[in-house]
Amino acid sequence: QVQLVESGGGLVQAGGSLRLSCAASGRTVSNYVMGWFRQAPGKERVFVAVITRSDGPTYYADSVKGRFTISIDDAKNTMYLQMSSLKPEDTAVYYCAAKRGTGWYKVLEGPSYDYWGQGTQVTVSS
């Protein structure tokens, strides 16, 4: 079992940057497919980005492609989401999640993930 704790959220102006962290404990993140999801007020939780291993493939939602970068630091057992050129529509609670195994089956779907962090708020002002 893995425990996940997000940090790094906050208030930023449009066009700014933030880096979210997802610190894992209990198990090595390389044993999982790791993803970021977000939930805006009044909306459903949606997929943002996914990665398997620090040197593995990545995939992004169209809405963040070219602006966000997902990565893993094996030494720190931590996943990151570097967010740049932020827009007001990026405002949401961001969650990291871990899916057992390393296969890419249904990795865009939240219910496929087994472990979740508590979330961190990102607010982008216009």
N, C-alpha and C. Protein backbone atom coordinates (compact mmCIF):
# COMPACT_ATOMS: atom_id res chain seq x y z
N GLN A 1 0.85 -1.18 0.00
CA GLN A 1 0.00 0.00 0.00
C GLN A 1 0.89 1.24 0.00
N VAL A 2 0.45 2.27 -0.70
CA VAL A 2 1.21 3.51 -0.79
C VAL A 2 0.35 4.65 -0.25
N GLN A 3 0.99 5.57 0.45
CA GLN A 3 0.32 6.78 0.93
C GLN A 3 0.84 7.97 0.12
N LEU A 4 -0.08 8.86 -0.24
CA LEU A 4 0.26 9.99 -1.11
C LEU A 4 -0.11 11.30 -0.43
N VAL A 5 0.79 12.27 -0.49
CA VAL A 5 0.54 13.58 0.09
C VAL A 5 0.94 14.65 -0.92
N GLU A 6 -0.05 15.45 -1.34
CA GLU A 6 0.22 16.54 -2.28
C GLU A 6 0.61 17.81 -1.54
N SER A 7 1.36 18.64 -2.23
CA SER A 7 1.70 19.97 -1.72
C SER A 7 2.04 20.86 -2.90
N GLY A 8 2.16 22.16 -2.64
CA GLY A 8 2.60 23.08 -3.68
C GLY A 8 1.51 23.93 -4.29
N GLY A 9 0.27 23.70 -3.90
CA GLY A 9 -0.80 24.51 -4.44
C GLY A 9 -0.75 25.93 -3.89
N GLY A 10 -1.59 26.78 -4.46
CA GLY A 10 -1.63 28.16 -3.99
C GLY A 10 -2.36 29.05 -4.96
N LEU A 11 -2.20 30.36 -4.72
CA LEU A 11 -2.82 31.38 -5.57
C LEU A 11 -1.75 31.97 -6.49
N VAL A 12 -2.06 32.03 -7.76
CA VAL A 12 -1.10 32.56 -8.73
C VAL A 12 -1.87 33.34 -9.79
N GLN A 13 -1.22 34.34 -10.36
CA GLN A 13 -1.84 35.10 -11.43
C GLN A 13 -1.78 34.34 -12.75
N ALA A 14 -2.71 34.65 -13.62
CA ALA A 14 -2.70 34.04 -14.95
C ALA A 14 -1.35 34.28 -15.63
N GLY A 15 -0.85 33.24 -16.27
CA GLY A 15 0.46 33.31 -16.89
C GLY A 15 1.59 32.85 -16.00
N GLY A 16 1.30 32.66 -14.72
CA GLY A 16 2.32 32.24 -13.78
C GLY A 16 2.54 30.73 -13.77
N SER A 17 3.37 30.31 -12.82
CA SER A 17 3.74 28.90 -12.73
C SER A 17 3.62 28.40 -11.29
N LEU A 18 3.41 27.12 -11.17
CA LEU A 18 3.42 26.43 -9.88
C LEU A 18 3.95 25.03 -10.11
N ARG A 19 4.56 24.46 -9.06
CA ARG A 19 4.96 23.07 -9.13
C ARG A 19 4.30 22.31 -7.99
N LEU A 20 3.50 21.33 -8.34
CA LEU A 20 2.87 20.47 -7.35
C LEU A 20 3.75 19.26 -7.09
N SER A 21 3.74 18.82 -5.84
CA SER A 21 4.49 17.63 -5.45
C SER A 21 3.53 16.59 -4.90
N CYS A 22 3.86 15.36 -5.12
CA CYS A 22 3.11 14.23 -4.57
C CYS A 22 4.12 13.28 -3.95
N ALA A 23 4.26 13.38 -2.64
CA ALA A 23 5.23 12.56 -1.93
C ALA A 23 4.59 11.22 -1.57
N ALA A 24 5.29 10.15 -1.89
CA ALA A 24 4.78 8.81 -1.65
C ALA A 24 5.56 8.15 -0.52
N SER A 25 4.85 7.37 0.27
CA SER A 25 5.48 6.57 1.32
C SER A 25 4.83 5.20 1.36
N GLY A 26 5.59 4.25 1.85
CA GLY A 26 5.06 2.90 1.96
C GLY A 26 5.49 1.99 0.82
N ARG A 27 5.49 2.50 -0.38
CA ARG A 27 5.93 1.74 -1.54
C ARG A 27 6.61 2.70 -2.52
N THR A 28 7.38 2.13 -3.42
CA THR A 28 8.08 2.91 -4.43
C THR A 28 7.12 3.27 -5.56
N VAL A 29 7.16 4.53 -5.98
CA VAL A 29 6.22 4.97 -7.01
C VAL A 29 6.44 4.27 -8.34
N SER A 30 7.65 3.75 -8.55
CA SER A 30 7.92 3.05 -9.80
C SER A 30 7.13 1.76 -9.93
N ASN A 31 6.51 1.33 -8.84
CA ASN A 31 5.65 0.14 -8.88
C ASN A 31 4.25 0.45 -9.39
N TYR A 32 3.96 1.72 -9.65
CA TYR A 32 2.61 2.14 -9.98
C TYR A 32 2.58 2.99 -11.24
N VAL A 33 1.42 3.07 -11.84
CA VAL A 33 1.12 4.14 -12.77
C VAL A 33 0.68 5.32 -11.90
N MET A 34 1.30 6.47 -12.13
CA MET A 34 1.03 7.65 -11.31
C MET A 34 0.33 8.71 -12.14
N GLY A 35 -0.72 9.28 -11.59
CA GLY A 35 -1.48 10.27 -12.34
C GLY A 35 -1.84 11.49 -11.53
N TRP A 36 -2.16 12.55 -12.26
CA TRP A 36 -2.72 13.77 -11.68
C TRP A 36 -4.13 13.96 -12.24
N PHE A 37 -5.03 14.31 -11.36
CA PHE A 37 -6.40 14.63 -11.73
C PHE A 37 -6.74 15.98 -11.09
N ARG A 38 -7.81 16.61 -11.57
CA ARG A 38 -8.25 17.85 -10.94
C ARG A 38 -9.76 17.93 -10.95
N GLN A 39 -10.27 18.68 -9.98
CA GLN A 39 -11.70 18.87 -9.87
C GLN A 39 -11.99 20.33 -9.61
N ALA A 40 -12.64 20.96 -10.57
CA ALA A 40 -13.05 22.35 -10.42
C ALA A 40 -14.38 22.42 -9.68
N PRO A 41 -14.69 23.56 -9.06
CA PRO A 41 -15.94 23.68 -8.33
C PRO A 41 -17.15 23.36 -9.19
N GLY A 42 -17.99 22.46 -8.69
CA GLY A 42 -19.21 22.11 -9.40
C GLY A 42 -19.01 21.20 -10.59
N LYS A 43 -17.81 20.71 -10.77
CA LYS A 43 -17.53 19.84 -11.92
C LYS A 43 -16.97 18.50 -11.46
N GLU A 44 -16.96 17.56 -12.38
CA GLU A 44 -16.42 16.24 -12.07
C GLU A 44 -14.89 16.27 -12.09
N ARG A 45 -14.32 15.34 -11.41
CA ARG A 45 -12.87 15.17 -11.44
C ARG A 45 -12.45 14.68 -12.82
N VAL A 46 -11.38 15.28 -13.36
CA VAL A 46 -10.93 14.92 -14.70
C VAL A 46 -9.44 14.63 -14.72
N PHE A 47 -9.05 13.87 -15.69
CA PHE A 47 -7.66 13.48 -15.88
C PHE A 47 -6.83 14.68 -16.33
N VAL A 48 -5.58 14.74 -15.82
CA VAL A 48 -4.65 15.80 -16.22
C VAL A 48 -3.41 15.21 -16.90
N ALA A 49 -2.74 14.28 -16.22
CA ALA A 49 -1.50 13.73 -16.76
C ALA A 49 -1.20 12.41 -16.08
N VAL A 50 -0.38 11.59 -16.77
CA VAL A 50 -0.02 10.28 -16.23
C VAL A 50 1.42 9.96 -16.62
N ILE A 51 2.06 9.16 -15.76
CA ILE A 51 3.44 8.74 -16.01
C ILE A 51 3.65 7.36 -15.40
N THR A 52 4.51 6.60 -16.05
CA THR A 52 4.93 5.31 -15.48
C THR A 52 6.46 5.31 -15.40
N ARG A 53 6.96 5.34 -14.21
CA ARG A 53 8.41 5.35 -13.95
C ARG A 53 9.02 6.69 -14.36
N SER A 54 10.16 6.99 -13.77
CA SER A 54 10.80 8.28 -14.05
C SER A 54 11.26 8.38 -15.50
N ASP A 55 11.54 7.24 -16.13
CA ASP A 55 12.00 7.26 -17.53
C ASP A 55 10.94 6.70 -18.47
N GLY A 56 9.73 6.62 -17.98
CA GLY A 56 8.67 6.00 -18.75
C GLY A 56 7.85 6.98 -19.56
N PRO A 57 6.85 6.48 -20.26
CA PRO A 57 6.01 7.33 -21.09
C PRO A 57 5.11 8.24 -20.25
N THR A 58 4.70 9.33 -20.88
CA THR A 58 3.78 10.27 -20.26
C THR A 58 2.64 10.56 -21.22
N TYR A 59 1.55 11.05 -20.66
CA TYR A 59 0.41 11.42 -21.49
C TYR A 59 -0.32 12.54 -20.79
N TYR A 60 -0.83 13.50 -21.58
CA TYR A 60 -1.48 14.68 -21.02
C TYR A 60 -2.87 14.90 -21.62
N ALA A 61 -3.72 15.49 -20.82
CA ALA A 61 -4.98 15.98 -21.35
C ALA A 61 -4.69 17.09 -22.35
N ASP A 62 -5.52 17.20 -23.37
CA ASP A 62 -5.32 18.23 -24.38
C ASP A 62 -5.29 19.63 -23.77
N SER A 63 -6.06 19.82 -22.73
CA SER A 63 -6.19 21.14 -22.12
C SER A 63 -4.90 21.63 -21.46
N VAL A 64 -3.99 20.72 -21.16
CA VAL A 64 -2.75 21.11 -20.48
C VAL A 64 -1.50 20.79 -21.28
N LYS A 65 -1.66 20.12 -22.40
CA LYS A 65 -0.52 19.71 -23.21
C LYS A 65 0.30 20.93 -23.63
N GLY A 66 1.60 20.84 -23.43
CA GLY A 66 2.49 21.94 -23.77
C GLY A 66 2.68 22.95 -22.66
N ARG A 67 1.85 22.87 -21.62
CA ARG A 67 1.96 23.79 -20.49
C ARG A 67 2.36 23.08 -19.20
N PHE A 68 1.95 21.85 -19.04
CA PHE A 68 2.22 21.07 -17.83
C PHE A 68 3.23 19.97 -18.15
N THR A 69 4.05 19.64 -17.15
CA THR A 69 5.01 18.55 -17.29
C THR A 69 4.95 17.67 -16.05
N ILE A 70 4.75 16.39 -16.26
CA ILE A 70 4.72 15.42 -15.16
C ILE A 70 6.07 14.73 -15.10
N SER A 71 6.53 14.47 -13.88
CA SER A 71 7.82 13.82 -13.72
C SER A 71 7.87 13.08 -12.39
N ILE A 72 8.88 12.21 -12.26
CA ILE A 72 9.11 11.46 -11.02
C ILE A 72 10.57 11.59 -10.64
N ASP A 73 10.83 11.83 -9.38
CA ASP A 73 12.17 11.80 -8.81
C ASP A 73 12.27 10.53 -7.97
N ASP A 74 12.97 9.55 -8.50
CA ASP A 74 13.05 8.26 -7.80
C ASP A 74 13.72 8.40 -6.43
N ALA A 75 14.74 9.22 -6.35
CA ALA A 75 15.47 9.35 -5.10
C ALA A 75 14.57 9.90 -3.99
N LYS A 76 13.63 10.75 -4.36
CA LYS A 76 12.73 11.33 -3.37
C LYS A 76 11.38 10.61 -3.32
N ASN A 77 11.21 9.63 -4.20
CA ASN A 77 9.94 8.90 -4.26
C ASN A 77 8.76 9.88 -4.36
N THR A 78 8.93 10.83 -5.24
CA THR A 78 7.98 11.93 -5.36
C THR A 78 7.65 12.18 -6.84
N MET A 79 6.40 12.44 -7.09
CA MET A 79 5.94 12.83 -8.43
C MET A 79 5.68 14.34 -8.42
N TYR A 80 5.91 14.95 -9.55
CA TYR A 80 5.71 16.38 -9.67
C TYR A 80 4.79 16.71 -10.85
N LEU A 81 4.18 17.88 -10.76
CA LEU A 81 3.46 18.44 -11.89
C LEU A 81 3.90 19.90 -12.01
N GLN A 82 4.73 20.17 -12.99
CA GLN A 82 5.15 21.54 -13.24
C GLN A 82 4.12 22.19 -14.14
N MET A 83 3.54 23.27 -13.66
CA MET A 83 2.47 23.94 -14.38
C MET A 83 2.93 25.34 -14.78
N SER A 84 2.86 25.63 -16.06
CA SER A 84 3.27 26.93 -16.57
C SER A 84 2.15 27.54 -17.40
N SER A 85 2.27 28.83 -17.67
CA SER A 85 1.25 29.54 -18.46
C SER A 85 -0.15 29.24 -17.94
N LEU A 86 -0.28 29.35 -16.63
CA LEU A 86 -1.55 29.00 -15.99
C LEU A 86 -2.67 29.92 -16.41
N LYS A 87 -3.85 29.34 -16.50
CA LYS A 87 -5.05 30.06 -16.91
C LYS A 87 -6.09 29.98 -15.79
N PRO A 88 -7.02 30.91 -15.74
CA PRO A 88 -8.07 30.83 -14.71
C PRO A 88 -8.82 29.50 -14.75
N GLU A 89 -8.96 28.92 -15.93
CA GLU A 89 -9.67 27.64 -16.03
C GLU A 89 -8.88 26.47 -15.48
N ASP A 90 -7.65 26.69 -15.08
CA ASP A 90 -6.86 25.65 -14.40
C ASP A 90 -7.18 25.60 -12.90
N THR A 91 -7.98 26.54 -12.43
CA THR A 91 -8.35 26.56 -11.02
C THR A 91 -9.11 25.30 -10.65
N ALA A 92 -8.62 24.60 -9.63
CA ALA A 92 -9.21 23.32 -9.23
C ALA A 92 -8.45 22.79 -8.02
N VAL A 93 -9.01 21.75 -7.43
CA VAL A 93 -8.27 20.94 -6.47
C VAL A 93 -7.56 19.86 -7.28
N TYR A 94 -6.26 19.76 -7.09
CA TYR A 94 -5.46 18.79 -7.82
C TYR A 94 -5.14 17.60 -6.93
N TYR A 95 -5.36 16.41 -7.47
CA TYR A 95 -5.14 15.17 -6.75
C TYR A 95 -4.10 14.32 -7.47
N CYS A 96 -3.22 13.70 -6.69
CA CYS A 96 -2.36 12.69 -7.29
C CYS A 96 -2.94 11.32 -6.94
N ALA A 97 -2.64 10.36 -7.78
CA ALA A 97 -3.21 9.03 -7.61
C ALA A 97 -2.24 7.98 -8.11
N ALA A 98 -2.37 6.78 -7.56
CA ALA A 98 -1.51 5.66 -7.94
C ALA A 98 -2.36 4.46 -8.33
N LYS A 99 -1.99 3.84 -9.42
CA LYS A 99 -2.71 2.66 -9.94
C LYS A 99 -1.76 1.48 -9.88
N ARG A 100 -2.18 0.42 -9.25
CA ARG A 100 -1.32 -0.76 -9.10
C ARG A 100 -0.91 -1.30 -10.47
N GLY A 101 0.35 -1.75 -10.52
CA GLY A 101 0.87 -2.28 -11.77
C GLY A 101 1.39 -1.16 -12.65
N THR A 102 1.93 -1.51 -13.79
CA THR A 102 2.51 -0.53 -14.70
C THR A 102 1.85 -0.56 -16.07
N GLY A 103 0.77 -1.32 -16.21
CA GLY A 103 0.07 -1.34 -17.48
C GLY A 103 -0.76 -0.10 -17.68
N TRP A 104 -1.01 0.26 -18.94
CA TRP A 104 -1.71 1.50 -19.27
C TRP A 104 -3.20 1.29 -19.52
N TYR A 105 -3.78 0.30 -18.91
CA TYR A 105 -5.19 0.03 -19.09
C TYR A 105 -6.02 1.05 -18.30
N LYS A 106 -6.85 1.80 -18.99
CA LYS A 106 -7.78 2.76 -18.38
C LYS A 106 -7.06 3.78 -17.51
N VAL A 107 -5.89 4.23 -17.89
CA VAL A 107 -5.13 5.16 -17.05
C VAL A 107 -5.72 6.57 -17.06
N LEU A 108 -6.65 6.85 -17.97
CA LEU A 108 -7.28 8.16 -17.99
C LEU A 108 -8.51 8.23 -17.09
N GLU A 109 -8.86 7.10 -16.52
CA GLU A 109 -10.10 7.00 -15.74
C GLU A 109 -9.80 6.95 -14.25
N GLY A 110 -10.35 7.91 -13.51
CA GLY A 110 -10.11 7.98 -12.08
C GLY A 110 -10.42 6.72 -11.32
N PRO A 111 -11.56 6.09 -11.57
CA PRO A 111 -11.91 4.87 -10.82
C PRO A 111 -10.90 3.73 -10.98
N SER A 112 -10.01 3.82 -11.98
CA SER A 112 -9.00 2.78 -12.16
C SER A 112 -7.88 2.88 -11.15
N TYR A 113 -7.77 4.02 -10.48
CA TYR A 113 -6.68 4.24 -9.53
C TYR A 113 -7.04 3.73 -8.15
N ASP A 114 -6.03 3.24 -7.47
CA ASP A 114 -6.25 2.56 -6.19
C ASP A 114 -5.98 3.44 -4.97
N TYR A 115 -5.12 4.42 -5.13
CA TYR A 115 -4.73 5.25 -3.99
C TYR A 115 -4.76 6.72 -4.41
N TRP A 116 -5.20 7.57 -3.47
CA TRP A 116 -5.36 8.99 -3.75
C TRP A 116 -4.78 9.82 -2.62
N GLY A 117 -4.28 10.99 -2.99
CA GLY A 117 -3.89 11.97 -2.00
C GLY A 117 -5.10 12.79 -1.58
N GLN A 118 -4.86 13.74 -0.69
CA GLN A 118 -5.96 14.52 -0.12
C GLN A 118 -6.31 15.72 -0.98
N GLY A 119 -5.43 16.06 -1.92
CA GLY A 119 -5.70 17.18 -2.82
C GLY A 119 -5.02 18.46 -2.36
N THR A 120 -4.71 19.30 -3.33
CA THR A 120 -4.14 20.62 -3.05
C THR A 120 -4.82 21.63 -3.97
N GLN A 121 -5.19 22.77 -3.41
CA GLN A 121 -5.96 23.78 -4.15
C GLN A 121 -5.02 24.64 -5.00
N VAL A 122 -5.39 24.80 -6.25
CA VAL A 122 -4.70 25.72 -7.15
C VAL A 122 -5.73 26.75 -7.62
N THR A 123 -5.43 28.02 -7.40
CA THR A 123 -6.32 29.09 -7.81
C THR A 123 -5.54 30.05 -8.71
N VAL A 124 -6.07 30.26 -9.91
CA VAL A 124 -5.41 31.15 -10.87
C VAL A 124 -6.30 32.36 -11.08
N SER A 125 -5.79 33.52 -10.74
CA SER A 125 -6.57 34.75 -10.87
C SER A 125 -6.31 35.40 -12.23
N SER A 126 -7.34 36.06 -12.73
CA SER A 126 -7.21 36.70 -14.05
C SER A 126 -6.71 38.13 -13.93
